C-alpha cells in the first residue's frame, strides 16, 4: 500500500458498489489497483503517461476513468458511499451551496469538436454498432462544439471553469456541476440542489431534501427564494443591499424582509472548507482534462475519496 492508496477499510466500503464485468469484453484489471492509480493522479496531478508502474498500464487506468466518467459510474459510487454514511447517521443535512473558480491549464484546451463515430465509419463495427474505440464517446454526456461545450470560458481569472457544489454540515460534497468560468452562481442553484440524490438503505425514495440551507448573496433573488419556499426548505440567504433599498422604497407594498438566522449563516463556512478539501487534489485545483464530463468525473472521484476518509 502506497501513500494515498485505499486502505483495507476504505476498499471494503467501496468494493460492493463497483461495476462488474459482463464477461463479453474480457476480464478487467483489478479494480483496486486501477482506482489507486486514478486517485494517485487526482492527488498529485501527474500526467497519465507518468503513472508509476505499480498501477499497471497507464492507458488502462486512463480508459477506466474516462469510461466511468462517461457512463456516470463515479456519480453512482458517490451516491452509494453517501447512502452508507446516511444510513449510519453520519450525514449532517444542514447543507450549504457555493462555487469555486478553477484555473484551466493550457492542456485542457483543444478538445475535438467532431461527434462520436457514426455507424459504418472508422471506429464502428461491420454491423453498424460502435466499435471498441467508440464505446465511451458514444455514451458520453453532451459536449464538444468548442470550449463552451466543455465547461471552459473566460472570467476575471482568465481561462477557467467553475465548479458548483453543495456540501453537508461535515464539509463533504453532496453534488457537483461543472460550467464555464463566467457563468453566474445563481443560474446553477436549482441544478445543484436537484442533483442531490442519496439512496435509502431499504425501501423508499432517495433523499433529496435537506433540513436547512445556507448560501451567500450571489443566490439572493426572488426565483431562488420562491423555489425554496415551494419545496419547503428552510434557508438563510442574506438580502442584497439594492434589493433591500427597493423593498423599502415600496413601503408596505414591498412586503416583509426575508428571514435571516445569523447563527445558521455562520456555519456556511462548511462549503468553503469542502472546496478546500476538493482543491487539495491538484487536478481539481487546476483543470487539465479536455472534456467537461471527464473533469466532472475527476472532481467526483476526489469527492468519493473525501467521503471514504471522513
C-alpha atoms as a PDB file:
ATOM      1  CA  UNK A   1       0.000   0.000   0.000  1.00  0.00           C
ATOM      2  CA  UNK A   2       1.482   3.313  -1.099  1.00  0.00           C
ATOM      3  CA  UNK A   3       0.845   6.829   0.104  1.00  0.00           C
ATOM      4  CA  UNK A   4      -2.675   7.891  -0.842  1.00  0.00           C
ATOM      5  CA  UNK A   5      -3.853   4.365  -1.757  1.00  0.00           C
ATOM      6  CA  UNK A   6      -7.110   2.952  -0.421  1.00  0.00           C
ATOM      7  CA  UNK A   7      -6.784   1.312   2.972  1.00  0.00           C
ATOM      8  CA  UNK A   8      -8.359  -2.106   3.553  1.00  0.00           C
ATOM      9  CA  UNK A   9     -11.277  -0.498   5.418  1.00  0.00           C
ATOM     10  CA  UNK A  10     -11.881   2.057   2.648  1.00  0.00           C
ATOM     11  CA  UNK A  11     -11.711  -0.641  -0.012  1.00  0.00           C
ATOM     12  CA  UNK A  12     -14.279  -2.778   1.809  1.00  0.00           C
ATOM     13  CA  UNK A  13     -16.657   0.201   1.951  1.00  0.00           C
ATOM     14  CA  UNK A  14     -16.266   0.820  -1.787  1.00  0.00           C
ATOM     15  CA  UNK A  15     -15.994  -2.718  -3.186  1.00  0.00           C
ATOM     16  CA  UNK A  16     -19.701  -3.739  -3.043  1.00  0.00           C
ATOM     17  CA  UNK A  17     -20.709  -0.853  -5.331  1.00  0.00           C
ATOM     18  CA  UNK A  18     -18.151  -1.299  -8.111  1.00  0.00           C
ATOM     19  CA  UNK A  19     -19.252  -2.251 -11.640  1.00  0.00           C
ATOM     20  CA  UNK A  20     -18.996  -5.929 -12.574  1.00  0.00           C
ATOM     21  CA  UNK A  21     -17.710  -7.058 -15.959  1.00  0.00           C
ATOM     22  CA  UNK A  22     -20.264  -8.768 -18.194  1.00  0.00           C
ATOM     23  CA  UNK A  23     -17.561 -11.178 -19.440  1.00  0.00           C
ATOM     24  CA  UNK A  24     -18.058 -10.280 -23.115  1.00  0.00           C
ATOM     25  CA  UNK A  25     -15.065  -7.933 -23.342  1.00  0.00           C
ATOM     26  CA  UNK A  26     -12.516  -9.945 -21.417  1.00  0.00           C
ATOM     27  CA  UNK A  27     -11.559  -9.671 -17.780  1.00  0.00           C
ATOM     28  CA  UNK A  28     -10.962  -6.287 -16.208  1.00  0.00           C
ATOM     29  CA  UNK A  29      -7.740  -5.455 -14.471  1.00  0.00           C
ATOM     30  CA  UNK A  30      -8.128  -5.467 -10.683  1.00  0.00           C
ATOM     31  CA  UNK A  31     -10.406  -2.597  -9.638  1.00  0.00           C
ATOM     32  CA  UNK A  32      -8.388  -1.747  -6.547  1.00  0.00           C
ATOM     33  CA  UNK A  33      -5.132  -1.345  -8.465  1.00  0.00           C
ATOM     34  CA  UNK A  34      -6.789   0.846 -11.093  1.00  0.00           C
ATOM     35  CA  UNK A  35      -8.667   3.020  -8.569  1.00  0.00           C
ATOM     36  CA  UNK A  36      -5.430   3.547  -6.631  1.00  0.00           C
ATOM     37  CA  UNK A  37      -3.863   4.718  -9.898  1.00  0.00           C
ATOM     38  CA  UNK A  38      -6.743   7.126 -10.560  1.00  0.00           C
ATOM     39  CA  UNK A  39      -6.579   8.533  -7.020  1.00  0.00           C
ATOM     40  CA  UNK A  40      -2.796   8.905  -7.339  1.00  0.00           C
ATOM     41  CA  UNK A  41      -3.256  11.040 -10.441  1.00  0.00           C
ATOM     42  CA  UNK A  42      -6.102  13.016  -8.812  1.00  0.00           C
ATOM     43  CA  UNK A  43      -3.976  13.758  -5.764  1.00  0.00           C
ATOM     44  CA  UNK A  44      -0.638  14.539  -7.427  1.00  0.00           C
ATOM     45  CA  UNK A  45      -1.634  15.912 -10.837  1.00  0.00           C
ATOM     46  CA  UNK A  46       0.881  13.690 -12.628  1.00  0.00           C
ATOM     47  CA  UNK A  47       0.336  13.115 -16.347  1.00  0.00           C
ATOM     48  CA  UNK A  48      -1.333   9.833 -17.188  1.00  0.00           C
ATOM     49  CA  UNK A  49       1.729   8.567 -19.049  1.00  0.00           C
ATOM     50  CA  UNK A  50       3.880   9.152 -15.957  1.00  0.00           C
ATOM     51  CA  UNK A  51       1.850   6.959 -13.582  1.00  0.00           C
ATOM     52  CA  UNK A  52       4.113   4.617 -11.556  1.00  0.00           C
ATOM     53  CA  UNK A  53       4.315   1.084 -12.927  1.00  0.00           C
ATOM     54  CA  UNK A  54       2.753  -0.417  -9.796  1.00  0.00           C
ATOM     55  CA  UNK A  55      -0.649   0.753 -11.044  1.00  0.00           C
ATOM     56  CA  UNK A  56      -0.349  -1.214 -14.277  1.00  0.00           C
ATOM     57  CA  UNK A  57      -0.539   0.172 -17.845  1.00  0.00           C
ATOM     58  CA  UNK A  58      -1.317   3.889 -17.736  1.00  0.00           C
ATOM     59  CA  UNK A  59      -3.753   3.600 -20.631  1.00  0.00           C
ATOM     60  CA  UNK A  60      -5.824   1.027 -18.743  1.00  0.00           C
ATOM     61  CA  UNK A  61      -6.111   3.405 -15.782  1.00  0.00           C
ATOM     62  CA  UNK A  62      -6.985   6.336 -18.031  1.00  0.00           C
ATOM     63  CA  UNK A  63      -9.586   4.420 -20.042  1.00  0.00           C
ATOM     64  CA  UNK A  64     -11.275   3.133 -16.870  1.00  0.00           C
ATOM     65  CA  UNK A  65     -11.523   6.695 -15.542  1.00  0.00           C
ATOM     66  CA  UNK A  66     -12.830   8.008 -18.867  1.00  0.00           C
ATOM     67  CA  UNK A  67     -15.455   5.274 -19.177  1.00  0.00           C
ATOM     68  CA  UNK A  68     -16.669   5.726 -15.599  1.00  0.00           C
ATOM     69  CA  UNK A  69     -16.854   9.488 -16.127  1.00  0.00           C
ATOM     70  CA  UNK A  70     -18.870   8.967 -19.328  1.00  0.00           C
ATOM     71  CA  UNK A  71     -21.443   6.487 -18.041  1.00  0.00           C
ATOM     72  CA  UNK A  72     -21.922   8.115 -14.609  1.00  0.00           C
ATOM     73  CA  UNK A  73     -20.246   5.336 -12.614  1.00  0.00           C
ATOM     74  CA  UNK A  74     -18.325   7.833 -10.462  1.00  0.00           C
ATOM     75  CA  UNK A  75     -21.540   9.658  -9.569  1.00  0.00           C
ATOM     76  CA  UNK A  76     -23.259   6.382  -8.677  1.00  0.00           C
ATOM     77  CA  UNK A  77     -20.316   5.416  -6.468  1.00  0.00           C
ATOM     78  CA  UNK A  78     -20.548   8.786  -4.702  1.00  0.00           C
ATOM     79  CA  UNK A  79     -24.262   8.303  -4.097  1.00  0.00           C
ATOM     80  CA  UNK A  80     -23.760   4.815  -2.673  1.00  0.00           C
ATOM     81  CA  UNK A  81     -20.993   5.968  -0.330  1.00  0.00           C
ATOM     82  CA  UNK A  82     -23.244   8.834   0.778  1.00  0.00           C
ATOM     83  CA  UNK A  83     -26.108   6.377   1.329  1.00  0.00           C
ATOM     84  CA  UNK A  84     -23.948   4.188   3.584  1.00  0.00           C
ATOM     85  CA  UNK A  85     -22.936   7.231   5.642  1.00  0.00           C
ATOM     86  CA  UNK A  86     -26.542   8.451   5.869  1.00  0.00           C
ATOM     87  CA  UNK A  87     -27.785   5.028   6.979  1.00  0.00           C
ATOM     88  CA  UNK A  88     -25.219   5.143   9.799  1.00  0.00           C
ATOM     89  CA  UNK A  89     -26.455   8.588  10.863  1.00  0.00           C
ATOM     90  CA  UNK A  90     -23.213  10.298   9.856  1.00  0.00           C
ATOM     91  CA  UNK A  91     -24.673  12.890   7.448  1.00  0.00           C
ATOM     92  CA  UNK A  92     -25.482  16.434   8.571  1.00  0.00           C
ATOM     93  CA  UNK A  93     -28.330  17.629   6.338  1.00  0.00           C
ATOM     94  CA  UNK A  94     -27.825  21.309   7.147  1.00  0.00           C
ATOM     95  CA  UNK A  95     -26.206  21.984   3.796  1.00  0.00           C
ATOM     96  CA  UNK A  96     -24.548  24.960   2.110  1.00  0.00           C
ATOM     97  CA  UNK A  97     -24.160  25.891  -1.571  1.00  0.00           C
ATOM     98  CA  UNK A  98     -21.344  27.783  -3.284  1.00  0.00           C
ATOM     99  CA  UNK A  99     -18.983  27.661  -6.260  1.00  0.00           C
ATOM    100  CA  UNK A 100     -15.281  27.986  -6.963  1.00  0.00           C
ATOM    101  CA  UNK A 101     -13.257  29.116  -9.957  1.00  0.00           C
ATOM    102  CA  UNK A 102     -10.830  26.509 -11.336  1.00  0.00           C
ATOM    103  CA  UNK A 103      -7.954  27.763 -13.455  1.00  0.00           C
ATOM    104  CA  UNK A 104      -7.748  25.790 -16.695  1.00  0.00           C
ATOM    105  CA  UNK A 105      -4.301  24.691 -17.830  1.00  0.00           C
ATOM    106  CA  UNK A 106      -3.397  25.182 -21.484  1.00  0.00           C
ATOM    107  CA  UNK A 107      -3.508  21.389 -21.912  1.00  0.00           C
ATOM    108  CA  UNK A 108      -7.270  21.453 -21.218  1.00  0.00           C
ATOM    109  CA  UNK A 109      -7.916  23.370 -24.447  1.00  0.00           C
ATOM    110  CA  UNK A 110      -8.227  21.895 -27.912  1.00  0.00           C
ATOM    111  CA  UNK A 111     -10.761  19.097 -27.400  1.00  0.00           C
ATOM    112  CA  UNK A 112     -12.016  17.640 -30.669  1.00  0.00           C
ATOM    113  CA  UNK A 113     -15.369  19.015 -31.735  1.00  0.00           C
ATOM    114  CA  UNK A 114     -16.428  16.221 -34.079  1.00  0.00           C
ATOM    115  CA  UNK A 115     -19.286  13.908 -32.965  1.00  0.00           C
ATOM    116  CA  UNK A 116     -18.809  10.222 -31.978  1.00  0.00           C
ATOM    117  CA  UNK A 117     -18.127   7.775 -34.834  1.00  0.00           C
ATOM    118  CA  UNK A 118     -21.218   7.100 -36.954  1.00  0.00           C
ATOM    119  CA  UNK A 119     -22.305   3.538 -37.802  1.00  0.00           C
ATOM    120  CA  UNK A 120     -20.198   2.181 -40.632  1.00  0.00           C
ATOM    121  CA  UNK A 121     -17.373   4.670 -40.125  1.00  0.00           C
ATOM    122  CA  UNK A 122     -13.905   4.045 -38.725  1.00  0.00           C
ATOM    123  CA  UNK A 123     -14.274   3.022 -35.106  1.00  0.00           C
ATOM    124  CA  UNK A 124     -17.609   1.290 -35.710  1.00  0.00           C
ATOM    125  CA  UNK A 125     -18.304  -2.390 -36.219  1.00  0.00           C
ATOM    126  CA  UNK A 126     -19.307  -4.005 -39.539  1.00  0.00           C
ATOM    127  CA  UNK A 127     -22.876  -4.414 -38.334  1.00  0.00           C
ATOM    128  CA  UNK A 128     -23.111  -0.680 -37.642  1.00  0.00           C
ATOM    129  CA  UNK A 129     -22.619  -0.936 -33.884  1.00  0.00           C
ATOM    130  CA  UNK A 130     -19.980   1.271 -32.235  1.00  0.00           C
ATOM    131  CA  UNK A 131     -16.549  -0.301 -32.125  1.00  0.00           C
ATOM    132  CA  UNK A 132     -14.248  -0.733 -29.160  1.00  0.00           C
ATOM    133  CA  UNK A 133     -12.764   2.756 -29.555  1.00  0.00           C
ATOM    134  CA  UNK A 134     -16.214   4.334 -29.712  1.00  0.00           C
ATOM    135  CA  UNK A 135     -17.748   2.861 -26.551  1.00  0.00           C
ATOM    136  CA  UNK A 136     -17.051   5.793 -24.227  1.00  0.00           C
ATOM    137  CA  UNK A 137     -17.567   8.548 -26.774  1.00  0.00           C
ATOM    138  CA  UNK A 138     -20.952   7.272 -27.961  1.00  0.00           C
ATOM    139  CA  UNK A 139     -22.322   7.193 -24.428  1.00  0.00           C
ATOM    140  CA  UNK A 140     -20.732  10.336 -23.099  1.00  0.00           C
ATOM    141  CA  UNK A 141     -22.798  13.328 -21.926  1.00  0.00           C
ATOM    142  CA  UNK A 142     -23.378  16.207 -24.377  1.00  0.00           C
ATOM    143  CA  UNK A 143     -20.270  18.264 -25.087  1.00  0.00           C
ATOM    144  CA  UNK A 144     -17.997  19.390 -27.838  1.00  0.00           C
ATOM    145  CA  UNK A 145     -18.562  22.314 -30.109  1.00  0.00           C
ATOM    146  CA  UNK A 146     -15.732  24.343 -28.648  1.00  0.00           C
ATOM    147  CA  UNK A 147     -14.630  25.469 -25.207  1.00  0.00           C
ATOM    148  CA  UNK A 148     -18.115  26.489 -24.075  1.00  0.00           C
ATOM    149  CA  UNK A 149     -19.472  22.996 -24.637  1.00  0.00           C
ATOM    150  CA  UNK A 150     -16.721  21.538 -22.445  1.00  0.00           C
ATOM    151  CA  UNK A 151     -17.236  23.890 -19.491  1.00  0.00           C
ATOM    152  CA  UNK A 152     -14.387  26.261 -20.382  1.00  0.00           C
ATOM    153  CA  UNK A 153     -14.702  30.023 -20.608  1.00  0.00           C
ATOM    154  CA  UNK A 154     -13.231  33.408 -19.814  1.00  0.00           C
ATOM    155  CA  UNK A 155     -13.646  35.131 -16.459  1.00  0.00           C
ATOM    156  CA  UNK A 156     -11.640  37.579 -14.372  1.00  0.00           C
ATOM    157  CA  UNK A 157      -9.247  34.737 -13.646  1.00  0.00           C
ATOM    158  CA  UNK A 158      -8.615  34.119 -17.347  1.00  0.00           C
ATOM    159  CA  UNK A 159      -9.211  30.724 -18.958  1.00  0.00           C
ATOM    160  CA  UNK A 160     -11.333  28.985 -16.301  1.00  0.00           C
ATOM    161  CA  UNK A 161     -14.036  26.539 -15.371  1.00  0.00           C
ATOM    162  CA  UNK A 162     -16.422  26.880 -12.445  1.00  0.00           C
ATOM    163  CA  UNK A 163     -17.289  24.086 -10.026  1.00  0.00           C
ATOM    164  CA  UNK A 164     -20.702  24.483  -8.369  1.00  0.00           C
ATOM    165  CA  UNK A 165     -21.376  22.288  -5.361  1.00  0.00           C
ATOM    166  CA  UNK A 166     -23.447  21.617  -2.276  1.00  0.00           C
ATOM    167  CA  UNK A 167     -21.870  20.284   0.920  1.00  0.00           C
ATOM    168  CA  UNK A 168     -23.240  18.740   4.088  1.00  0.00           C
ATOM    169  CA  UNK A 169     -22.506  20.034   7.578  1.00  0.00           C
ATOM    170  CA  UNK A 170     -19.365  17.883   7.802  1.00  0.00           C
ATOM    171  CA  UNK A 171     -17.675  19.583   4.816  1.00  0.00           C
ATOM    172  CA  UNK A 172     -18.308  16.782   2.297  1.00  0.00           C
ATOM    173  CA  UNK A 173     -19.590  17.402  -1.247  1.00  0.00           C
ATOM    174  CA  UNK A 174     -23.132  16.203  -1.926  1.00  0.00           C
ATOM    175  CA  UNK A 175     -23.457  17.245  -5.585  1.00  0.00           C
ATOM    176  CA  UNK A 176     -21.194  18.752  -8.239  1.00  0.00           C
ATOM    177  CA  UNK A 177     -21.728  20.588 -11.545  1.00  0.00           C
ATOM    178  CA  UNK A 178     -19.136  21.986 -13.973  1.00  0.00           C
ATOM    179  CA  UNK A 179     -19.737  25.090 -16.098  1.00  0.00           C
ATOM    180  CA  UNK A 180     -17.612  27.676 -17.854  1.00  0.00           C
ATOM    181  CA  UNK A 181     -15.903  30.193 -15.594  1.00  0.00           C
ATOM    182  CA  UNK A 182     -18.116  33.179 -16.427  1.00  0.00           C
ATOM    183  CA  UNK A 183     -21.446  31.526 -15.539  1.00  0.00           C
ATOM    184  CA  UNK A 184     -23.283  33.197 -12.658  1.00  0.00           C
ATOM    185  CA  UNK A 185     -23.704  31.172  -9.478  1.00  0.00           C
ATOM    186  CA  UNK A 186     -27.468  31.697  -9.244  1.00  0.00           C
ATOM    187  CA  UNK A 187     -28.093  30.047 -12.641  1.00  0.00           C
ATOM    188  CA  UNK A 188     -26.878  26.686 -11.294  1.00  0.00           C
ATOM    189  CA  UNK A 189     -28.618  26.771  -7.910  1.00  0.00           C
ATOM    190  CA  UNK A 190     -31.570  24.574  -8.898  1.00  0.00           C
ATOM    191  CA  UNK A 191     -29.450  22.036 -10.861  1.00  0.00           C
ATOM    192  CA  UNK A 192     -27.080  21.676  -7.890  1.00  0.00           C
ATOM    193  CA  UNK A 193     -29.926  21.042  -5.432  1.00  0.00           C
ATOM    194  CA  UNK A 194     -31.819  18.734  -7.759  1.00  0.00           C
ATOM    195  CA  UNK A 195     -28.694  16.659  -8.274  1.00  0.00           C
ATOM    196  CA  UNK A 196     -28.642  15.693  -4.582  1.00  0.00           C
ATOM    197  CA  UNK A 197     -29.803  12.084  -4.507  1.00  0.00           C
ATOM    198  CA  UNK A 198     -28.907   9.854  -1.558  1.00  0.00           C
ATOM    199  CA  UNK A 199     -30.451   6.356  -1.822  1.00  0.00           C
ATOM    200  CA  UNK A 200     -32.142   4.789   1.201  1.00  0.00           C
ATOM    201  CA  UNK A 201     -30.665   1.666   2.758  1.00  0.00           C
ATOM    202  CA  UNK A 202     -34.046  -0.081   2.498  1.00  0.00           C
ATOM    203  CA  UNK A 203     -37.285   0.732   0.744  1.00  0.00           C
ATOM    204  CA  UNK A 204     -38.201   4.285  -0.114  1.00  0.00           C
ATOM    205  CA  UNK A 205     -37.259   7.057  -2.466  1.00  0.00           C
ATOM    206  CA  UNK A 206     -33.779   8.600  -2.380  1.00  0.00           C
ATOM    207  CA  UNK A 207     -33.425  11.570  -0.075  1.00  0.00           C
ATOM    208  CA  UNK A 208     -33.226  14.869  -1.942  1.00  0.00           C
ATOM    209  CA  UNK A 209     -34.433  17.466   0.576  1.00  0.00           C
ATOM    210  CA  UNK A 210     -32.048  18.975   3.168  1.00  0.00           C
ATOM    211  CA  UNK A 211     -33.086  20.090   6.656  1.00  0.00           C
ATOM    212  CA  UNK A 212     -31.850  23.635   6.019  1.00  0.00           C
ATOM    213  CA  UNK A 213     -29.743  25.549   3.520  1.00  0.00           C
ATOM    214  CA  UNK A 214     -27.318  28.475   3.692  1.00  0.00           C
ATOM    215  CA  UNK A 215     -25.892  30.451   0.777  1.00  0.00           C
ATOM    216  CA  UNK A 216     -24.272  33.846   0.185  1.00  0.00           C
ATOM    217  CA  UNK A 217     -25.663  36.953  -1.548  1.00  0.00           C
ATOM    218  CA  UNK A 218     -24.930  35.554  -5.018  1.00  0.00           C
ATOM    219  CA  UNK A 219     -28.054  33.381  -4.553  1.00  0.00           C
ATOM    220  CA  UNK A 220     -30.273  36.164  -3.215  1.00  0.00           C
ATOM    221  CA  UNK A 221     -33.073  36.649  -5.736  1.00  0.00           C
ATOM    222  CA  UNK A 222     -36.812  36.121  -5.946  1.00  0.00           C
ATOM    223  CA  UNK A 223     -36.919  32.961  -8.074  1.00  0.00           C
ATOM    224  CA  UNK A 224     -34.478  31.129  -5.774  1.00  0.00           C
ATOM    225  CA  UNK A 225     -36.410  32.097  -2.619  1.00  0.00           C
ATOM    226  CA  UNK A 226     -39.683  31.082  -4.289  1.00  0.00           C
ATOM    227  CA  UNK A 227     -38.174  27.726  -5.321  1.00  0.00           C
ATOM    228  CA  UNK A 228     -37.027  27.044  -1.741  1.00  0.00           C
ATOM    229  CA  UNK A 229     -40.422  28.029  -0.297  1.00  0.00           C
ATOM    230  CA  UNK A 230     -42.176  25.746  -2.786  1.00  0.00           C
ATOM    231  CA  UNK A 231     -40.022  22.812  -1.693  1.00  0.00           C
ATOM    232  CA  UNK A 232     -40.410  23.682   1.996  1.00  0.00           C
ATOM    233  CA  UNK A 233     -36.674  24.115   2.596  1.00  0.00           C
ATOM    234  CA  UNK A 234     -35.689  26.432   5.449  1.00  0.00           C
ATOM    235  CA  UNK A 235     -32.973  28.765   4.187  1.00  0.00           C
ATOM    236  CA  UNK A 236     -30.640  31.536   5.299  1.00  0.00           C
ATOM    237  CA  UNK A 237     -29.572  33.837   2.475  1.00  0.00           C
ATOM    238  CA  UNK A 238     -28.625  37.485   3.165  1.00  0.00           C
ATOM    239  CA  UNK A 239     -30.554  40.146   1.291  1.00  0.00           C
ATOM    240  CA  UNK A 240     -28.663  42.252  -1.244  1.00  0.00           C
ATOM    241  CA  UNK A 241     -28.328  45.959  -0.489  1.00  0.00           C
ATOM    242  CA  UNK A 242     -30.074  47.070  -3.680  1.00  0.00           C
ATOM    243  CA  UNK A 243     -32.916  44.588  -3.095  1.00  0.00           C
ATOM    244  CA  UNK A 244     -33.354  45.894   0.431  1.00  0.00           C
ATOM    245  CA  UNK A 245     -33.419  49.510  -0.804  1.00  0.00           C
ATOM    246  CA  UNK A 246     -36.003  48.663  -3.483  1.00  0.00           C
ATOM    247  CA  UNK A 247     -38.199  46.918  -0.922  1.00  0.00           C
ATOM    248  CA  UNK A 248     -38.035  49.881   1.470  1.00  0.00           C
ATOM    249  CA  UNK A 249     -38.934  52.321  -1.306  1.00  0.00           C
ATOM    250  CA  UNK A 250     -42.166  50.421  -1.917  1.00  0.00           C
ATOM    251  CA  UNK A 251     -43.193  50.800   1.707  1.00  0.00           C
ATOM    252  CA  UNK A 252     -45.954  48.421   2.772  1.00  0.00           C
ATOM    253  CA  UNK A 253     -46.173  47.078  -0.787  1.00  0.00           C
ATOM    254  CA  UNK A 254     -42.569  45.876  -0.524  1.00  0.00           C
ATOM    255  CA  UNK A 255     -43.549  43.165   1.918  1.00  0.00           C
ATOM    256  CA  UNK A 256     -41.671  41.865   4.931  1.00  0.00           C
ATOM    257  CA  UNK A 257     -37.902  41.361   4.881  1.00  0.00           C
ATOM    258  CA  UNK A 258     -36.798  37.739   4.342  1.00  0.00           C
ATOM    259  CA  UNK A 259     -35.899  35.832   7.476  1.00  0.00           C
ATOM    260  CA  UNK A 260     -32.225  35.603   8.349  1.00  0.00           C
ATOM    261  CA  UNK A 261     -30.598  33.421  11.020  1.00  0.00           C
ATOM    262  CA  UNK A 262     -27.169  34.840  11.868  1.00  0.00           C
ATOM    263  CA  UNK A 263     -26.083  31.756  13.831  1.00  0.00           C
ATOM    264  CA  UNK A 264     -27.017  29.454  10.946  1.00  0.00           C
ATOM    265  CA  UNK A 265     -25.233  31.683   8.443  1.00  0.00           C
ATOM    266  CA  UNK A 266     -22.013  31.458  10.443  1.00  0.00           C
ATOM    267  CA  UNK A 267     -21.936  27.742   9.601  1.00  0.00           C
ATOM    268  CA  UNK A 268     -21.887  28.448   5.859  1.00  0.00           C
ATOM    269  CA  UNK A 269     -18.103  28.064   6.023  1.00  0.00           C
ATOM    270  CA  UNK A 270     -18.666  24.305   5.763  1.00  0.00           C
ATOM    271  CA  UNK A 271     -18.972  24.615   1.972  1.00  0.00           C
ATOM    272  CA  UNK A 272     -15.805  26.732   1.855  1.00  0.00           C
ATOM    273  CA  UNK A 273     -13.964  24.012   3.758  1.00  0.00           C
ATOM    274  CA  UNK A 274     -15.415  21.377   1.411  1.00  0.00           C
ATOM    275  CA  UNK A 275     -13.976  23.371  -1.513  1.00  0.00           C
ATOM    276  CA  UNK A 276     -10.594  23.491   0.242  1.00  0.00           C
ATOM    277  CA  UNK A 277     -10.691  19.714   0.641  1.00  0.00           C
ATOM    278  CA  UNK A 278     -11.512  19.220  -3.021  1.00  0.00           C
ATOM    279  CA  UNK A 279      -8.748  21.579  -4.137  1.00  0.00           C
ATOM    280  CA  UNK A 280      -6.152  19.664  -2.146  1.00  0.00           C
ATOM    281  CA  UNK A 281      -6.379  17.389  -5.179  1.00  0.00           C
ATOM    282  CA  UNK A 282      -4.174  19.085  -7.739  1.00  0.00           C
ATOM    283  CA  UNK A 283      -6.215  18.090 -10.767  1.00  0.00           C
ATOM    284  CA  UNK A 284      -9.263  19.754  -9.197  1.00  0.00           C
ATOM    285  CA  UNK A 285      -7.427  22.946  -8.226  1.00  0.00           C
ATOM    286  CA  UNK A 286      -6.106  23.183 -11.817  1.00  0.00           C
ATOM    287  CA  UNK A 287      -8.050  21.634 -14.673  1.00  0.00           C
ATOM    288  CA  UNK A 288      -6.033  19.509 -17.107  1.00  0.00           C
ATOM    289  CA  UNK A 289      -8.890  17.434 -18.600  1.00  0.00           C
ATOM    290  CA  UNK A 290     -10.019  18.482 -22.071  1.00  0.00           C
ATOM    291  CA  UNK A 291     -13.508  17.035 -21.805  1.00  0.00           C
ATOM    292  CA  UNK A 292     -16.012  18.547 -19.402  1.00  0.00           C
ATOM    293  CA  UNK A 293     -17.505  15.191 -18.424  1.00  0.00           C
ATOM    294  CA  UNK A 294     -14.031  13.809 -17.626  1.00  0.00           C
ATOM    295  CA  UNK A 295     -13.249  16.799 -15.390  1.00  0.00           C
ATOM    296  CA  UNK A 296     -16.575  16.273 -13.598  1.00  0.00           C
ATOM    297  CA  UNK A 297     -15.598  12.618 -13.108  1.00  0.00           C
ATOM    298  CA  UNK A 298     -12.235  13.740 -11.730  1.00  0.00           C
ATOM    299  CA  UNK A 299     -13.884  16.065  -9.194  1.00  0.00           C
ATOM    300  CA  UNK A 300     -16.377  13.323  -8.282  1.00  0.00           C
ATOM    301  CA  UNK A 301     -13.559  10.812  -7.703  1.00  0.00           C
ATOM    302  CA  UNK A 302     -11.954  13.342  -5.323  1.00  0.00           C
ATOM    303  CA  UNK A 303     -15.316  13.679  -3.541  1.00  0.00           C
ATOM    304  CA  UNK A 304     -15.587   9.883  -3.193  1.00  0.00           C
ATOM    305  CA  UNK A 305     -12.157   9.840  -1.525  1.00  0.00           C
ATOM    306  CA  UNK A 306     -13.269  12.600   0.880  1.00  0.00           C
ATOM    307  CA  UNK A 307     -16.344  10.628   1.924  1.00  0.00           C
ATOM    308  CA  UNK A 308     -14.363   7.429   2.388  1.00  0.00           C
ATOM    309  CA  UNK A 309     -11.750   9.173   4.555  1.00  0.00           C
ATOM    310  CA  UNK A 310     -14.015  11.310   6.730  1.00  0.00           C
END
